[in-house]
């Protein structure tokens, strides 16, 4: 085989990983459409010719109800990921959002709109932990960071698409266009394979090998990674009572004992603590707040004379460019470096915007210029999209051990869902109670707190295999890992451990 044929063959697994990532990314674009839709819908309902009118409270529910429904989606997907597999769950996540779009097209009341948004929030909750897990389990560690960054990039594309289309079309027509995005993703998911990690966890080793090599190619590195995964799962299955026939009472008791033991393990509670602070940071950094209330925020910060619709679309374009930049930065820089650099800029931008608006409200400014607030918002958007909106989704797909990836991913995403609701619902309430400047100071302080905690607990995961990250969280050293390797290079024979011999 000539050199050109070898290179072409090497690109095939990469292209397959690209297709797999695209099936997730297109689905997430539909979720970005949901997030950005309220910025189009709410101003449309305020128009004099609108047949549906909403109070201020109802407007906040329209924007935030998806965050409340996210929690329900998280609770549903947590057990399903491990029971029916990643692919079937991925297919399931497209159903509520499609129903939601069609209900919005036909809606004739506020209640119908809120219910449709609630269904769409369930879909977002279903895909929240699932999307990152699918990408992380099925892509090469060297490209995993860039592929995982597509999660935030896809959200950005969805928001930009909705804001742009909604500028020219009615909110019903915008909903119709957005529904096609999810329909396309549904067709792509049908042709995607099941996760090899899930197949390994279920003891389906032959299928897992076929899918793994189909996705990743065959070579010493891939064989070693697959062998290590299979070995680790065989040991876990041997130490469990998998395959035993137990009564419902025995299974229930065993489940609760399992939960009690799991929550005591560092490889479980450490990722939970990390993801809690990452997701609180993500939501209070305000990426979904500015997507939902874009025009209102621009008018308050820049001024009532600002072309809010144009600036909203320009900010979305900046967000898209920065997200594309983040894909390359994730390959070059460590996760921690990007997170703390952009997080610090976000805090400074929050305090800067708050100080500017406070000075403007009290006539402390020597001159009034739209350039300063637009610059502050642009810097703020840069910090959100380059690191803060990319890192949490990347790490969420990397940090949970395979044994707890469904349970941990579901529980770990609950803070994302809860704080999505809190951050968006409370934003207009806080503005009314303490004014916009002090709302910015509160949100900036929450971001600052999360950064301080993460400085001490967040490990570096760049370019590490999922098994290496899992071993590190367990506190397993390199010597421990070497002692668990096969004596003769084969998985299914006798293996050495520190004080015992286990026969497979």
Protein backbone atom coordinates (compact mmCIF):
# COMPACT_ATOMS: atom_id res chain seq x y z
CA UNK A 1 0.00 0.00 0.00
CA UNK A 2 1.50 3.39 -1.01
CA UNK A 3 1.91 6.38 1.32
CA UNK A 4 -1.06 8.23 -0.19
CA UNK A 5 -3.40 5.27 0.42
CA UNK A 6 -2.24 5.02 4.04
CA UNK A 7 -2.96 8.71 4.63
CA UNK A 8 -6.39 8.43 3.02
CA UNK A 9 -7.16 5.39 5.19
CA UNK A 10 -6.04 7.36 8.26
CA UNK A 11 -8.52 10.13 7.48
CA UNK A 12 -11.50 7.74 7.36
CA UNK A 13 -11.84 7.30 11.16
CA UNK A 14 -11.49 11.07 11.62
CA UNK A 15 -14.30 11.70 9.12
CA UNK A 16 -16.47 9.13 10.87
CA UNK A 17 -15.86 10.93 14.18
CA UNK A 18 -16.77 14.19 12.43
CA UNK A 19 -20.10 12.70 11.29
CA UNK A 20 -20.81 11.38 14.78
CA UNK A 21 -20.04 14.78 16.30
CA UNK A 22 -22.15 16.49 13.64
CA UNK A 23 -25.18 14.35 14.56
CA UNK A 24 -24.90 15.70 18.12
CA UNK A 25 -24.00 19.23 17.01
CA UNK A 26 -27.00 19.65 14.70
CA UNK A 27 -29.30 18.50 17.49
CA UNK A 28 -27.70 21.08 19.79
CA UNK A 29 -28.17 23.80 17.14
CA UNK A 30 -31.89 23.16 17.61
CA UNK A 31 -31.43 23.76 21.33
CA UNK A 32 -29.61 27.01 20.59
CA UNK A 33 -32.69 27.99 18.58
CA UNK A 34 -34.80 27.38 21.70
CA UNK A 35 -32.53 29.57 23.85
CA UNK A 36 -32.48 32.43 21.35
CA UNK A 37 -36.17 32.17 20.47
CA UNK A 38 -37.45 34.11 23.49
CA UNK A 39 -35.48 37.20 22.37
CA UNK A 40 -37.60 37.12 19.19
CA UNK A 41 -40.87 35.94 20.70
CA UNK A 42 -41.17 38.34 23.65
CA UNK A 43 -40.69 41.61 21.65
CA UNK A 44 -43.17 40.25 19.05
CA UNK A 45 -45.82 39.67 21.73
CA UNK A 46 -45.39 43.30 22.87
CA UNK A 47 -46.37 44.68 19.47
CA UNK A 48 -49.75 46.39 19.16
CA UNK A 49 -50.93 44.01 16.41
CA UNK A 50 -50.13 40.86 18.41
CA UNK A 51 -53.12 38.61 19.10
CA UNK A 52 -51.41 37.24 22.22
CA UNK A 53 -50.41 39.57 25.06
CA UNK A 54 -48.09 38.71 27.96
CA UNK A 55 -47.48 40.31 31.34
CA UNK A 56 -43.94 40.93 32.61
CA UNK A 57 -44.20 37.83 34.80
CA UNK A 58 -45.42 35.71 31.88
CA UNK A 59 -42.53 37.00 29.74
CA UNK A 60 -40.02 35.83 32.36
CA UNK A 61 -41.72 32.42 32.42
CA UNK A 62 -41.52 32.18 28.62
CA UNK A 63 -37.77 32.84 28.83
CA UNK A 64 -37.01 30.67 31.86
CA UNK A 65 -39.46 27.73 31.77
CA UNK A 66 -37.07 25.74 29.57
CA UNK A 67 -34.55 25.86 32.43
CA UNK A 68 -37.11 24.43 34.85
CA UNK A 69 -37.99 21.65 32.39
CA UNK A 70 -34.28 20.88 31.97
CA UNK A 71 -34.33 19.36 35.46
CA UNK A 72 -37.05 16.89 34.47
CA UNK A 73 -35.10 15.96 31.35
CA UNK A 74 -31.98 15.37 33.45
CA UNK A 75 -33.88 13.06 35.82
CA UNK A 76 -35.33 11.07 32.91
CA UNK A 77 -32.06 10.64 31.03
CA UNK A 78 -29.91 9.68 34.05
CA UNK A 79 -31.11 6.02 34.28
CA UNK A 80 -32.01 5.70 30.58
CA UNK A 81 -28.45 6.34 29.38
CA UNK A 82 -27.26 3.20 31.09
CA UNK A 83 -30.37 1.10 30.47
CA UNK A 84 -31.19 1.59 26.76
CA UNK A 85 -27.93 3.08 25.50
CA UNK A 86 -26.67 6.38 24.13
CA UNK A 87 -28.14 6.12 20.62
CA UNK A 88 -31.75 5.41 21.63
CA UNK A 89 -31.59 8.21 24.20
CA UNK A 90 -30.23 10.53 21.53
CA UNK A 91 -33.17 9.67 19.26
CA UNK A 92 -35.58 10.20 22.16
CA UNK A 93 -34.20 13.70 22.80
CA UNK A 94 -35.49 14.94 19.43
CA UNK A 95 -39.16 14.14 20.11
CA UNK A 96 -40.27 16.76 22.71
CA UNK A 97 -38.48 19.61 20.94
CA UNK A 98 -40.19 18.79 17.62
CA UNK A 99 -43.60 18.67 19.32
CA UNK A 100 -42.76 21.99 20.99
CA UNK A 101 -42.00 23.73 17.69
CA UNK A 102 -45.28 22.54 16.15
CA UNK A 103 -47.23 23.70 19.24
CA UNK A 104 -45.61 27.13 18.95
CA UNK A 105 -46.65 27.37 15.29
CA UNK A 106 -50.27 26.67 16.30
CA UNK A 107 -50.26 28.51 19.66
CA UNK A 108 -53.11 30.95 20.38
CA UNK A 109 -52.49 31.61 24.09
CA UNK A 110 -49.68 32.29 26.55
CA UNK A 111 -50.36 28.95 28.26
CA UNK A 112 -49.80 27.09 24.97
CA UNK A 113 -46.53 28.96 24.39
CA UNK A 114 -45.26 28.21 27.91
CA UNK A 115 -46.20 24.51 27.58
CA UNK A 116 -44.41 24.28 24.22
CA UNK A 117 -41.31 25.87 25.74
CA UNK A 118 -41.57 23.41 28.65
CA UNK A 119 -41.47 20.44 26.25
CA UNK A 120 -38.46 21.93 24.49
CA UNK A 121 -36.74 22.32 27.85
CA UNK A 122 -37.25 18.60 28.50
CA UNK A 123 -35.39 17.86 25.24
CA UNK A 124 -32.57 20.15 26.33
CA UNK A 125 -32.41 18.30 29.65
CA UNK A 126 -32.27 14.95 27.88
CA UNK A 127 -29.38 15.99 25.66
CA UNK A 128 -27.57 18.07 28.32
CA UNK A 129 -25.40 15.28 29.81
CA UNK A 130 -25.83 12.95 26.83
CA UNK A 131 -24.29 15.06 24.05
CA UNK A 132 -20.91 15.53 25.70
CA UNK A 133 -20.79 11.89 26.79
CA UNK A 134 -21.46 10.63 23.25
CA UNK A 135 -18.72 12.83 21.76
CA UNK A 136 -16.16 12.05 24.48
CA UNK A 137 -16.72 8.28 24.31
CA UNK A 138 -16.51 8.06 20.54
CA UNK A 139 -13.69 10.44 19.52
CA UNK A 140 -9.90 10.35 19.73
CA UNK A 141 -8.38 11.99 22.86
CA UNK A 142 -6.20 14.20 20.65
CA UNK A 143 -9.24 15.72 18.95
CA UNK A 144 -11.75 15.31 21.77
CA UNK A 145 -11.37 18.87 23.10
CA UNK A 146 -12.03 20.39 19.69
CA UNK A 147 -15.00 18.10 19.07
CA UNK A 148 -16.48 18.88 22.50
CA UNK A 149 -16.13 22.59 21.80
CA UNK A 150 -18.66 22.01 19.01
CA UNK A 151 -21.30 21.82 21.77
CA UNK A 152 -20.98 25.52 22.61
CA UNK A 153 -20.33 26.38 18.96
CA UNK A 154 -23.59 24.67 17.98
CA UNK A 155 -25.53 26.55 20.64
CA UNK A 156 -24.09 29.77 19.24
CA UNK A 157 -25.09 28.88 15.68
CA UNK A 158 -28.63 28.10 16.88
CA UNK A 159 -28.96 31.42 18.74
CA UNK A 160 -27.54 33.38 15.77
CA UNK A 161 -29.82 31.56 13.35
CA UNK A 162 -32.95 32.30 15.40
CA UNK A 163 -32.08 35.94 16.02
CA UNK A 164 -31.29 36.50 12.34
CA UNK A 165 -34.34 34.68 10.93
CA UNK A 166 -36.60 36.27 13.55
CA UNK A 167 -35.56 39.72 12.35
CA UNK A 168 -37.20 39.04 8.97
CA UNK A 169 -39.90 36.44 9.70
CA UNK A 170 -42.77 36.21 12.18
CA UNK A 171 -42.26 34.18 15.35
CA UNK A 172 -44.50 31.40 13.96
CA UNK A 173 -42.50 31.21 10.71
CA UNK A 174 -39.25 31.23 12.73
CA UNK A 175 -40.53 28.25 14.73
CA UNK A 176 -41.26 26.36 11.50
CA UNK A 177 -37.74 26.95 10.15
CA UNK A 178 -36.17 25.90 13.48
CA UNK A 179 -38.11 22.62 13.48
CA UNK A 180 -36.27 21.51 10.32
CA UNK A 181 -32.94 21.64 12.20
CA UNK A 182 -34.07 18.99 14.68
CA UNK A 183 -35.56 16.90 11.87
CA UNK A 184 -32.17 16.87 10.09
CA UNK A 185 -30.42 15.77 13.29
CA UNK A 186 -32.97 12.98 13.75
CA UNK A 187 -32.03 11.53 10.35
CA UNK A 188 -28.29 11.79 11.13
CA UNK A 189 -28.68 10.01 14.49
CA UNK A 190 -30.34 7.04 12.78
CA UNK A 191 -27.10 6.32 10.91
CA UNK A 192 -24.79 6.86 13.92
CA UNK A 193 -23.45 3.81 15.82
CA UNK A 194 -23.90 2.93 19.49
CA UNK A 195 -21.17 4.02 21.93
CA UNK A 196 -18.43 1.36 22.32
CA UNK A 197 -18.04 2.36 25.98
CA UNK A 198 -21.69 1.53 26.68
CA UNK A 199 -21.35 -1.77 24.80
CA UNK A 200 -18.31 -2.63 26.94
CA UNK A 201 -20.21 -1.76 30.12
CA UNK A 202 -22.94 -4.19 29.03
CA UNK A 203 -20.43 -6.98 28.33
CA UNK A 204 -20.93 -6.84 24.55
CA UNK A 205 -17.19 -6.91 23.83
CA UNK A 206 -17.30 -8.15 20.23
CA UNK A 207 -19.68 -5.36 19.15
CA UNK A 208 -17.68 -2.78 21.08
CA UNK A 209 -14.46 -3.78 19.31
CA UNK A 210 -16.10 -3.51 15.89
CA UNK A 211 -17.53 -0.05 16.63
CA UNK A 212 -14.36 1.17 18.36
CA UNK A 213 -12.06 0.23 15.49
CA UNK A 214 -14.62 1.52 12.94
CA UNK A 215 -14.55 4.91 14.66
CA UNK A 216 -10.93 5.11 15.69
CA UNK A 217 -9.00 2.90 13.27
CA UNK A 218 -6.71 0.03 14.26
CA UNK A 219 -3.26 0.49 15.73
CA UNK A 220 -1.20 -0.18 18.90
CA UNK A 221 -2.56 2.93 20.66
CA UNK A 222 -6.18 2.08 19.91
CA UNK A 223 -5.73 -1.57 20.88
CA UNK A 224 -4.10 -0.58 24.18
CA UNK A 225 -6.87 1.91 25.02
CA UNK A 226 -9.61 -0.60 24.19
CA UNK A 227 -7.88 -3.36 26.16
CA UNK A 228 -7.57 -1.13 29.22
CA UNK A 229 -11.29 -0.20 29.04
CA UNK A 230 -12.41 -3.82 28.66
CA UNK A 231 -10.16 -4.99 31.49
CA UNK A 232 -11.41 -2.31 33.87
CA UNK A 233 -15.05 -3.16 33.11
CA UNK A 234 -14.47 -6.92 33.47
CA UNK A 235 -13.07 -6.36 36.92
CA UNK A 236 -16.07 -4.21 37.85
CA UNK A 237 -18.50 -6.83 36.52
CA UNK A 238 -16.70 -9.60 38.42
CA UNK A 239 -16.94 -7.65 41.67
CA UNK A 240 -20.67 -7.03 41.13
CA UNK A 241 -23.59 -9.46 41.09
CA UNK A 242 -24.32 -8.89 37.40
CA UNK A 243 -26.34 -11.70 35.89
CA UNK A 244 -27.66 -13.02 39.23
CA UNK A 245 -31.41 -13.48 39.61
CA UNK A 246 -32.56 -11.34 42.53
CA UNK A 247 -35.96 -10.41 43.93
CA UNK A 248 -37.30 -6.86 43.51
CA UNK A 249 -36.69 -6.22 47.21
CA UNK A 250 -33.11 -7.46 46.97
CA UNK A 251 -32.49 -5.37 43.85
CA UNK A 252 -33.93 -2.26 45.54
CA UNK A 253 -31.82 -2.77 48.64
CA UNK A 254 -28.74 -3.39 46.53
CA UNK A 255 -29.44 -0.23 44.48
CA UNK A 256 -29.58 1.99 47.55
CA UNK A 257 -26.43 0.37 48.99
CA UNK A 258 -24.78 0.99 45.63
CA UNK A 259 -25.78 4.67 45.76
CA UNK A 260 -24.48 5.00 49.31
CA UNK A 261 -21.14 3.46 48.40
CA UNK A 262 -20.90 5.44 45.16
CA UNK A 263 -21.32 8.82 46.83
CA UNK A 264 -18.37 8.02 49.10
CA UNK A 265 -15.99 7.39 46.21
CA UNK A 266 -13.69 10.27 45.17
CA UNK A 267 -14.00 9.36 41.48
CA UNK A 268 -17.73 10.14 41.85
CA UNK A 269 -18.05 13.04 44.30
CA UNK A 270 -15.07 15.00 42.97
CA UNK A 271 -16.51 15.27 39.43
CA UNK A 272 -19.92 16.18 40.93
CA UNK A 273 -18.35 19.07 42.88
CA UNK A 274 -16.36 20.20 39.84
CA UNK A 275 -19.36 20.16 37.51
CA UNK A 276 -21.55 21.94 40.07
CA UNK A 277 -19.19 24.92 40.16
CA UNK A 278 -18.53 24.83 36.39
CA UNK A 279 -22.23 24.94 35.57
CA UNK A 280 -23.04 27.63 38.15
CA UNK A 281 -20.16 29.62 36.64
CA UNK A 282 -21.51 29.01 33.13
CA UNK A 283 -25.07 30.12 33.88
CA UNK A 284 -24.22 33.15 36.03
CA UNK A 285 -21.65 34.26 33.48
CA UNK A 286 -24.85 35.03 31.61
CA UNK A 287 -24.58 33.41 28.19
CA UNK A 288 -28.23 32.31 28.27
CA UNK A 289 -29.34 35.52 29.97
CA UNK A 290 -28.00 37.70 27.18
CA UNK A 291 -29.38 35.27 24.57
CA UNK A 292 -32.86 35.48 26.11
CA UNK A 293 -32.99 39.21 26.91
CA UNK A 294 -30.54 40.51 24.28
CA UNK A 295 -32.49 43.52 23.03
CA UNK A 296 -33.63 44.58 26.51
CA UNK A 297 -30.06 44.42 27.87
CA UNK A 298 -28.62 46.34 24.91
CA UNK A 299 -31.18 49.13 25.32
CA UNK A 300 -30.44 49.44 29.06
CA UNK A 301 -26.64 49.35 28.76
CA UNK A 302 -26.07 51.18 25.46
CA UNK A 303 -29.13 53.41 25.52
CA UNK A 304 -32.73 53.52 24.25
CA UNK A 305 -31.59 55.01 20.93
CA UNK A 306 -29.38 52.00 20.11
CA UNK A 307 -30.29 49.76 17.17
CA UNK A 308 -30.85 46.78 19.46
CA UNK A 309 -31.83 44.31 16.72
CA UNK A 310 -28.67 45.03 14.70
CA UNK A 311 -26.39 44.94 17.75
CA UNK A 312 -27.99 41.64 18.85
CA UNK A 313 -27.15 39.99 15.52
CA UNK A 314 -23.62 41.50 15.54
CA UNK A 315 -23.04 40.08 19.03
CA UNK A 316 -24.19 36.68 17.78
CA UNK A 317 -21.73 36.94 14.88
CA UNK A 318 -18.94 37.79 17.36
CA UNK A 319 -20.02 34.83 19.48
CA UNK A 320 -19.83 32.54 16.45
CA UNK A 321 -16.34 33.77 15.47
CA UNK A 322 -15.08 33.38 19.05
CA UNK A 323 -16.56 29.88 19.28
CA UNK A 324 -14.74 28.88 16.09
CA UNK A 325 -11.57 30.36 17.61
CA UNK A 326 -12.22 28.32 20.77
CA UNK A 327 -12.10 25.07 18.74
CA UNK A 328 -8.45 25.79 17.86
CA UNK A 329 -7.56 27.20 21.30
CA UNK A 330 -8.86 24.01 22.96
CA UNK A 331 -6.31 22.03 20.97
CA UNK A 332 -3.43 24.39 21.83
CA UNK A 333 -4.02 25.45 25.45
CA UNK A 334 -4.83 23.59 28.65
CA UNK A 335 -8.43 23.59 29.90
CA UNK A 336 -7.46 25.38 33.13
CA UNK A 337 -5.53 28.12 31.32
CA UNK A 338 -8.46 28.99 29.07
CA UNK A 339 -11.03 28.82 31.86
CA UNK A 340 -9.27 31.09 34.34
CA UNK A 341 -8.12 33.57 31.70
CA UNK A 342 -11.59 34.06 30.22
CA UNK A 343 -13.27 33.81 33.63
CA UNK A 344 -11.18 36.71 34.94
CA UNK A 345 -12.10 38.81 31.89
CA UNK A 346 -15.79 37.98 32.46
CA UNK A 347 -15.66 39.17 36.08
CA UNK A 348 -13.91 42.42 35.07
CA UNK A 349 -16.43 42.96 32.25
CA UNK A 350 -19.35 42.43 34.65
CA UNK A 351 -17.96 44.96 37.12
CA UNK A 352 -17.08 47.31 34.24
CA UNK A 353 -20.61 47.20 32.79
CA UNK A 354 -22.15 47.64 36.24
CA UNK A 355 -19.93 50.61 37.04
CA UNK A 356 -20.61 52.25 33.67
CA UNK A 357 -24.41 51.92 33.94
CA UNK A 358 -24.32 53.13 37.57
CA UNK A 359 -22.27 56.18 36.56
CA UNK A 360 -24.61 56.84 33.64
CA UNK A 361 -27.72 56.63 35.82
CA UNK A 362 -26.22 59.12 38.30
CA UNK A 363 -24.84 61.48 35.63
CA UNK A 364 -21.23 60.90 36.72
CA UNK A 365 -19.92 60.50 33.16
CA UNK A 366 -18.01 63.44 31.67
CA UNK A 367 -19.42 62.48 28.25
CA UNK A 368 -21.89 59.94 26.88
CA UNK A 369 -20.66 57.61 24.14
CA UNK A 370 -22.12 54.39 22.80
CA UNK A 371 -18.61 53.09 22.07
CA UNK A 372 -17.76 52.36 25.74
CA UNK A 373 -20.79 50.15 26.58
CA UNK A 374 -20.59 48.37 23.20
CA UNK A 375 -16.90 47.68 23.81
CA UNK A 376 -17.63 46.33 27.33
CA UNK A 377 -20.37 44.04 25.99
CA UNK A 378 -18.07 42.84 23.18
CA UNK A 379 -15.27 42.02 25.66
CA UNK A 380 -17.81 40.29 27.87
CA UNK A 381 -19.08 38.19 24.93
CA UNK A 382 -15.49 37.28 24.02
CA UNK A 383 -14.87 35.92 27.54
CA UNK A 384 -18.09 33.89 27.47
CA UNK A 385 -17.55 32.19 24.14
CA UNK A 386 -13.80 31.55 24.06
CA UNK A 387 -13.63 29.69 27.36
CA UNK A 388 -16.56 29.85 29.77
CA UNK A 389 -19.14 28.34 27.42
CA UNK A 390 -16.73 25.75 25.99
CA UNK A 391 -14.83 24.33 28.97
CA UNK A 392 -17.78 23.03 31.07
CA UNK A 393 -19.19 20.96 28.19
CA UNK A 394 -15.74 19.62 27.32
CA UNK A 395 -14.95 18.59 30.89
CA UNK A 396 -18.42 17.13 31.51
CA UNK A 397 -17.77 14.56 28.80
CA UNK A 398 -14.33 13.68 30.15
CA UNK A 399 -14.45 13.63 33.91
CA UNK A 400 -16.95 10.92 34.95
CA UNK A 401 -15.75 7.29 35.13
CA UNK A 402 -17.52 4.89 32.75
CA UNK A 403 -19.21 3.02 35.61
CA UNK A 404 -20.91 6.23 36.82
CA UNK A 405 -21.11 8.16 33.55
CA UNK A 406 -24.89 7.93 33.27
CA UNK A 407 -25.62 8.59 36.96
CA UNK A 408 -22.86 11.16 37.36
CA UNK A 409 -23.63 12.90 34.07
CA UNK A 410 -27.30 13.24 35.02
CA UNK A 411 -26.65 14.49 38.56
CA UNK A 412 -23.78 16.70 37.39
CA UNK A 413 -26.05 18.42 34.85
CA UNK A 414 -28.75 19.27 37.42
CA UNK A 415 -26.89 22.46 38.49
CA UNK A 416 -26.81 23.52 34.83
CA UNK A 417 -30.56 23.07 34.55
CA UNK A 418 -31.44 24.60 37.91
CA UNK A 419 -29.18 27.61 37.43
CA UNK A 420 -30.44 28.08 33.87
CA UNK A 421 -33.87 28.64 35.42
CA UNK A 422 -32.60 30.73 38.36
CA UNK A 423 -30.27 32.95 36.32
CA UNK A 424 -32.86 33.75 33.63
CA UNK A 425 -35.90 33.97 35.94
CA UNK A 426 -34.13 36.14 38.53
CA UNK A 427 -32.47 38.55 36.09
CA UNK A 428 -35.54 40.78 35.44
CA UNK A 429 -36.61 40.42 39.08
CA UNK A 430 -33.21 41.61 40.34
CA UNK A 431 -33.15 44.49 37.86
CA UNK A 432 -36.51 45.66 39.23
CA UNK A 433 -35.41 45.20 42.84
CA UNK A 434 -31.78 46.40 42.92
CA UNK A 435 -31.29 47.90 39.39
CA UNK A 436 -29.11 46.60 36.54
CA UNK A 437 -25.68 47.71 37.90
CA UNK A 438 -26.05 45.82 41.19
CA UNK A 439 -27.49 42.81 39.34
CA UNK A 440 -24.24 42.75 37.35
CA UNK A 441 -22.23 43.01 40.58
CA UNK A 442 -24.13 40.03 42.06
CA UNK A 443 -23.65 37.87 38.95
CA UNK A 444 -19.97 38.86 38.70
CA UNK A 445 -19.40 37.92 42.35
CA UNK A 446 -20.95 34.45 41.81
CA UNK A 447 -18.60 33.91 38.85
CA UNK A 448 -15.63 35.04 40.97
CA UNK A 449 -16.53 32.59 43.78
CA UNK A 450 -16.76 29.66 41.33
CA UNK A 451 -13.38 30.50 39.80
CA UNK A 452 -11.72 30.52 43.24
CA UNK A 453 -13.14 27.08 44.14
CA UNK A 454 -12.28 25.59 40.74
CA UNK A 455 -8.70 26.81 41.05
CA UNK A 456 -8.22 24.24 43.83
CA UNK A 457 -10.32 21.29 42.63
CA UNK A 458 -10.25 21.25 38.81
CA UNK A 459 -7.69 18.80 37.29
CA UNK A 460 -6.21 19.15 33.81
CA UNK A 461 -7.82 16.73 31.31
CA UNK A 462 -6.34 17.84 27.98
CA UNK A 463 -4.94 15.02 25.78
CA UNK A 464 -5.63 12.34 28.42
CA UNK A 465 -7.65 9.22 27.66
CA UNK A 466 -10.89 8.81 29.58
CA UNK A 467 -9.36 5.84 31.41
CA UNK A 468 -6.34 7.93 32.49
CA UNK A 469 -8.66 10.64 33.86
CA UNK A 470 -10.69 7.98 35.66
CA UNK A 471 -7.53 6.49 37.21
CA UNK A 472 -6.36 9.92 38.38
CA UNK A 473 -9.66 10.68 40.12
CA UNK A 474 -9.47 7.29 41.85
CA UNK A 475 -6.00 8.22 43.06
CA UNK A 476 -4.46 5.38 41.05
CA UNK A 477 -0.76 5.97 40.30
CA UNK A 478 1.24 4.97 37.25
CA UNK A 479 2.71 2.06 39.22
CA UNK A 480 -0.79 0.88 40.14
CA UNK A 481 -1.76 0.95 36.49
CA UNK A 482 1.32 -0.99 35.41
CA UNK A 483 0.64 -3.64 38.04
CA UNK A 484 -2.83 -4.18 36.57
CA UNK A 485 -1.56 -4.68 33.04
CA UNK A 486 -1.56 -8.22 31.58
CA UNK A 487 1.57 -10.30 32.01
CA UNK A 488 1.44 -11.52 28.44
CA UNK A 489 -0.37 -8.67 26.67
CA UNK A 490 -3.73 -10.50 26.52
CA UNK A 491 -6.85 -9.34 28.30
CA UNK A 492 -8.57 -12.65 28.76
CA UNK A 493 -5.80 -14.47 30.59
CA UNK A 494 -4.30 -14.20 34.08
CA UNK A 495 -3.62 -10.63 35.27
CA UNK A 496 -1.39 -9.40 38.07
CA UNK A 497 -2.63 -7.23 40.94
CA UNK A 498 -0.85 -6.02 44.03
CA UNK A 499 -1.93 -8.78 46.37
CA UNK A 500 -4.16 -11.17 44.52
CA UNK A 501 -4.54 -13.12 41.28
CA UNK A 502 -7.75 -12.82 39.33
CA UNK A 503 -8.57 -15.38 36.65
CA UNK A 504 -10.71 -14.24 33.71
